[in-house]
């Protein structure tokens, strides 16, 4: 009979792979930003939130906070690198206002993270207490990461277009939450991983449903717009190379 810990480790490895896909999924969006040399109406909110989320999970996985969490540390360390690259690209092509917003948020996050680390290490003794406090914070910011696309979802509903809500980001959000929820339910039970990732699975599912509702409708709207332009100008609209 297969040991439960072996199954848990296998699911954890699968979770690492899916999480890697989650961190990689915005790459096409940033390729478009580089190509157009403009962030247009793309928002940095999900990436700023993910930076803090990854930082706290790396801290949570440290042996002096929550032992035997190597898989948590490795994937979130990789995630930190990805998010900083994305934010660097956003910063390069954003307006002055957008750049100030990113810098301000990162400074606030850095100060907050430093304060939490100092308090945890100096005031809390033992991995149980440290896991409790850091685990709760991880849940808060993991949920923020999962629901941060809600700002974009509101835009999707308003414009009836999914142009600014990347499909692969929504899909990997759902799969990532589902996988880590399964991981948390296998002995030893991990409440902190369960809470945020179950919410993440639901959030990802809602995004996918929204995408299914508006993807075809958005394309139809674009077709109508092009048709109207053709009628008004008597010439076909420009086609991007």
Protein backbone atom coordinates (compact mmCIF):
# COMPACT_ATOMS: atom_id res chain seq x y z
CA UNK A 1 0.00 0.00 0.00
CA UNK A 2 1.31 3.45 -0.93
CA UNK A 3 2.25 5.60 2.05
CA UNK A 4 0.17 8.76 2.52
CA UNK A 5 3.31 10.89 2.81
CA UNK A 6 4.49 9.60 -0.58
CA UNK A 7 1.16 10.57 -2.18
CA UNK A 8 1.35 13.95 -0.48
CA UNK A 9 4.87 14.54 -1.80
CA UNK A 10 3.83 13.54 -5.32
CA UNK A 11 0.88 15.95 -5.21
CA UNK A 12 3.24 18.59 -3.81
CA UNK A 13 5.59 18.10 -6.75
CA UNK A 14 2.66 18.34 -9.16
CA UNK A 15 1.63 21.47 -7.30
CA UNK A 16 5.13 22.86 -7.85
CA UNK A 17 4.84 22.21 -11.58
CA UNK A 18 1.41 23.86 -11.78
CA UNK A 19 2.60 26.78 -9.64
CA UNK A 20 5.50 27.21 -12.03
CA UNK A 21 2.93 27.37 -14.82
CA UNK A 22 1.01 29.95 -12.78
CA UNK A 23 4.09 32.14 -12.44
CA UNK A 24 4.91 31.69 -16.13
CA UNK A 25 1.36 32.29 -17.43
CA UNK A 26 1.57 36.13 -17.57
CA UNK A 27 4.59 35.87 -19.93
CA UNK A 28 2.51 36.33 -23.13
CA UNK A 29 0.93 39.45 -21.64
CA UNK A 30 4.32 40.98 -20.92
CA UNK A 31 5.56 39.97 -24.35
CA UNK A 32 2.73 42.09 -25.78
CA UNK A 33 3.72 44.97 -23.49
CA UNK A 34 7.32 44.79 -24.70
CA UNK A 35 6.19 44.54 -28.34
CA UNK A 36 3.84 47.53 -28.07
CA UNK A 37 6.13 49.41 -25.65
CA UNK A 38 3.08 50.27 -23.57
CA UNK A 39 1.22 48.71 -20.63
CA UNK A 40 -2.06 50.09 -22.03
CA UNK A 41 -4.72 49.31 -19.40
CA UNK A 42 -3.02 46.29 -17.84
CA UNK A 43 -2.79 46.61 -14.06
CA UNK A 44 0.22 45.65 -11.87
CA UNK A 45 -2.01 44.73 -8.89
CA UNK A 46 -1.85 40.91 -9.28
CA UNK A 47 1.94 40.93 -9.59
CA UNK A 48 2.52 43.30 -6.67
CA UNK A 49 0.24 41.13 -4.51
CA UNK A 50 2.06 37.98 -5.60
CA UNK A 51 5.44 39.39 -4.55
CA UNK A 52 4.32 39.71 -0.94
CA UNK A 53 2.53 36.38 -1.11
CA UNK A 54 5.66 34.54 -2.31
CA UNK A 55 7.86 36.29 0.24
CA UNK A 56 5.67 35.17 3.14
CA UNK A 57 5.43 31.57 1.90
CA UNK A 58 9.23 31.40 1.60
CA UNK A 59 9.48 32.65 5.19
CA UNK A 60 6.76 30.18 6.27
CA UNK A 61 8.71 27.28 4.76
CA UNK A 62 11.93 28.05 6.62
CA UNK A 63 12.97 25.31 9.12
CA UNK A 64 12.77 27.76 12.04
CA UNK A 65 9.14 28.61 11.19
CA UNK A 66 7.53 25.50 9.65
CA UNK A 67 9.93 22.54 9.25
CA UNK A 68 9.82 20.03 6.37
CA UNK A 69 8.43 22.51 3.83
CA UNK A 70 11.13 22.42 1.17
CA UNK A 71 8.63 22.29 -1.72
CA UNK A 72 6.96 25.43 -0.42
CA UNK A 73 10.28 27.30 -0.30
CA UNK A 74 11.55 26.26 -3.72
CA UNK A 75 8.49 27.14 -5.79
CA UNK A 76 7.85 30.45 -4.03
CA UNK A 77 11.50 31.47 -4.42
CA UNK A 78 11.12 30.88 -8.16
CA UNK A 79 7.87 32.84 -8.05
CA UNK A 80 9.60 35.83 -6.49
CA UNK A 81 12.09 35.94 -9.35
CA UNK A 82 9.30 35.80 -11.95
CA UNK A 83 7.26 38.54 -10.29
CA UNK A 84 10.20 40.92 -10.03
CA UNK A 85 10.94 40.38 -13.73
CA UNK A 86 7.31 41.14 -14.61
CA UNK A 87 7.26 44.26 -12.47
CA UNK A 88 10.55 45.41 -13.99
CA UNK A 89 8.97 45.14 -17.46
CA UNK A 90 5.84 46.95 -16.27
CA UNK A 91 7.96 49.68 -14.70
CA UNK A 92 9.91 50.15 -17.93
CA UNK A 93 6.84 50.75 -20.11
CA UNK A 94 4.41 52.30 -17.61
CA UNK A 95 3.55 55.97 -17.29
CA UNK A 96 5.16 58.06 -14.55
CA UNK A 97 2.04 57.62 -12.43
CA UNK A 98 2.15 53.86 -12.92
CA UNK A 99 5.82 53.70 -11.96
CA UNK A 100 5.24 55.68 -8.77
CA UNK A 101 2.40 53.35 -7.85
CA UNK A 102 4.56 50.22 -8.26
CA UNK A 103 7.49 51.70 -6.30
CA UNK A 104 5.22 52.90 -3.48
CA UNK A 105 3.54 49.51 -3.12
CA UNK A 106 6.87 47.65 -3.12
CA UNK A 107 8.34 49.94 -0.45
CA UNK A 108 5.27 49.46 1.77
CA UNK A 109 5.48 45.68 1.26
CA UNK A 110 9.21 45.60 2.07
CA UNK A 111 8.74 47.53 5.31
CA UNK A 112 5.78 45.40 6.37
CA UNK A 113 7.60 42.15 5.58
CA UNK A 114 10.70 43.26 7.53
CA UNK A 115 8.59 44.16 10.57
CA UNK A 116 6.83 40.77 10.52
CA UNK A 117 10.12 38.87 10.24
CA UNK A 118 11.65 40.79 13.17
CA UNK A 119 8.61 40.33 15.40
CA UNK A 120 8.34 36.64 14.54
CA UNK A 121 11.99 35.89 15.22
CA UNK A 122 12.38 38.03 18.34
CA UNK A 123 8.99 37.79 20.07
CA UNK A 124 7.75 34.31 19.11
CA UNK A 125 9.55 31.20 20.28
CA UNK A 126 9.02 27.75 18.83
CA UNK A 127 7.84 26.64 15.40
CA UNK A 128 4.22 26.15 16.53
CA UNK A 129 3.68 29.81 17.41
CA UNK A 130 5.67 31.03 14.43
CA UNK A 131 3.74 28.75 12.07
CA UNK A 132 0.45 30.03 13.46
CA UNK A 133 1.18 33.74 12.95
CA UNK A 134 3.06 33.43 9.66
CA UNK A 135 0.55 30.86 8.38
CA UNK A 136 -2.35 33.25 8.96
CA UNK A 137 -0.50 36.03 7.15
CA UNK A 138 0.30 33.65 4.29
CA UNK A 139 -3.39 32.84 3.99
CA UNK A 140 -4.32 36.52 3.90
CA UNK A 141 -1.87 37.37 1.13
CA UNK A 142 -2.44 34.14 -0.77
CA UNK A 143 -6.14 35.03 -0.88
CA UNK A 144 -5.19 38.54 -2.03
CA UNK A 145 -3.19 37.00 -4.87
CA UNK A 146 -6.07 34.76 -5.90
CA UNK A 147 -8.73 37.47 -5.80
CA UNK A 148 -6.59 40.35 -7.13
CA UNK A 149 -7.87 39.67 -10.69
CA UNK A 150 -11.32 40.76 -9.42
CA UNK A 151 -10.35 44.32 -10.38
CA UNK A 152 -9.89 43.07 -13.93
CA UNK A 153 -13.04 40.92 -13.77
CA UNK A 154 -15.06 44.07 -13.07
CA UNK A 155 -13.61 45.58 -16.24
CA UNK A 156 -14.50 42.42 -18.19
CA UNK A 157 -18.14 42.69 -17.10
CA UNK A 158 -18.24 46.42 -17.87
CA UNK A 159 -16.64 46.19 -21.32
CA UNK A 160 -17.99 42.71 -22.15
CA UNK A 161 -14.48 41.84 -23.35
CA UNK A 162 -11.82 39.50 -21.92
CA UNK A 163 -8.97 41.38 -23.59
CA UNK A 164 -7.40 42.35 -20.28
CA UNK A 165 -8.00 39.06 -18.44
CA UNK A 166 -5.43 36.46 -19.61
CA UNK A 167 -7.04 33.02 -19.96
CA UNK A 168 -3.96 31.03 -18.93
CA UNK A 169 -3.58 33.00 -15.71
CA UNK A 170 -7.17 32.15 -14.78
CA UNK A 171 -6.75 28.48 -15.68
CA UNK A 172 -3.51 28.01 -13.75
CA UNK A 173 -5.00 29.86 -10.77
CA UNK A 174 -7.80 27.29 -10.69
CA UNK A 175 -5.53 24.24 -11.14
CA UNK A 176 -3.01 25.55 -8.63
CA UNK A 177 -5.66 26.10 -5.96
CA UNK A 178 -7.19 22.68 -6.62
CA UNK A 179 -3.87 20.84 -6.40
CA UNK A 180 -2.69 22.50 -3.19
CA UNK A 181 -6.11 21.98 -1.62
CA UNK A 182 -5.71 18.25 -2.25
CA UNK A 183 -2.18 18.40 -0.83
CA UNK A 184 -3.42 20.07 2.37
CA UNK A 185 -6.13 17.46 2.95
CA UNK A 186 -3.67 14.54 3.03
CA UNK A 187 -2.04 13.71 6.36
CA UNK A 188 -0.44 15.68 7.93
CA UNK A 189 -3.36 18.06 7.51
CA UNK A 190 -2.29 21.65 6.81
CA UNK A 191 -5.03 24.15 7.63
CA UNK A 192 -3.09 27.18 6.39
CA UNK A 193 -2.51 25.71 2.93
CA UNK A 194 -6.12 24.49 2.76
CA UNK A 195 -7.93 27.74 3.55
CA UNK A 196 -6.32 30.03 0.99
CA UNK A 197 -5.98 27.49 -1.80
CA UNK A 198 -9.59 26.31 -1.58
CA UNK A 199 -10.63 29.95 -1.97
CA UNK A 200 -8.15 30.19 -4.85
CA UNK A 201 -9.76 27.21 -6.59
CA UNK A 202 -13.18 28.86 -6.33
CA UNK A 203 -11.80 32.21 -7.53
CA UNK A 204 -10.14 30.56 -10.51
CA UNK A 205 -13.36 28.73 -11.38
CA UNK A 206 -15.34 31.98 -11.31
CA UNK A 207 -12.77 33.59 -13.64
CA UNK A 208 -13.04 30.69 -16.08
CA UNK A 209 -16.85 30.91 -16.08
CA UNK A 210 -16.61 34.65 -16.72
CA UNK A 211 -14.14 34.05 -19.53
CA UNK A 212 -16.48 31.49 -21.12
CA UNK A 213 -19.38 33.96 -20.92
CA UNK A 214 -17.59 36.89 -22.54
CA UNK A 215 -14.83 35.52 -24.80
CA UNK A 216 -17.07 34.91 -27.84
CA UNK A 217 -19.15 38.00 -27.07
CA UNK A 218 -16.01 40.13 -27.00
CA UNK A 219 -14.91 38.74 -30.36
CA UNK A 220 -18.36 39.51 -31.78
CA UNK A 221 -18.11 43.08 -30.51
CA UNK A 222 -14.74 43.44 -32.24
CA UNK A 223 -16.25 42.06 -35.46
CA UNK A 224 -19.11 44.59 -35.25
CA UNK A 225 -16.64 47.39 -34.65
CA UNK A 226 -14.54 46.37 -37.67
CA UNK A 227 -17.67 46.04 -39.81
CA UNK A 228 -18.79 49.52 -38.80
CA UNK A 229 -15.36 50.93 -39.57
CA UNK A 230 -15.47 49.28 -43.00
CA UNK A 231 -18.85 50.85 -43.75
CA UNK A 232 -17.78 54.32 -42.62
CA UNK A 233 -14.35 54.51 -44.27
CA UNK A 234 -14.95 52.26 -47.26
CA UNK A 235 -11.57 50.64 -46.51
CA UNK A 236 -10.63 47.57 -44.47
CA UNK A 237 -9.30 48.24 -40.97
CA UNK A 238 -5.58 47.94 -40.33
CA UNK A 239 -4.32 44.44 -39.51
CA UNK A 240 -1.52 44.02 -37.01
CA UNK A 241 1.48 42.16 -38.30
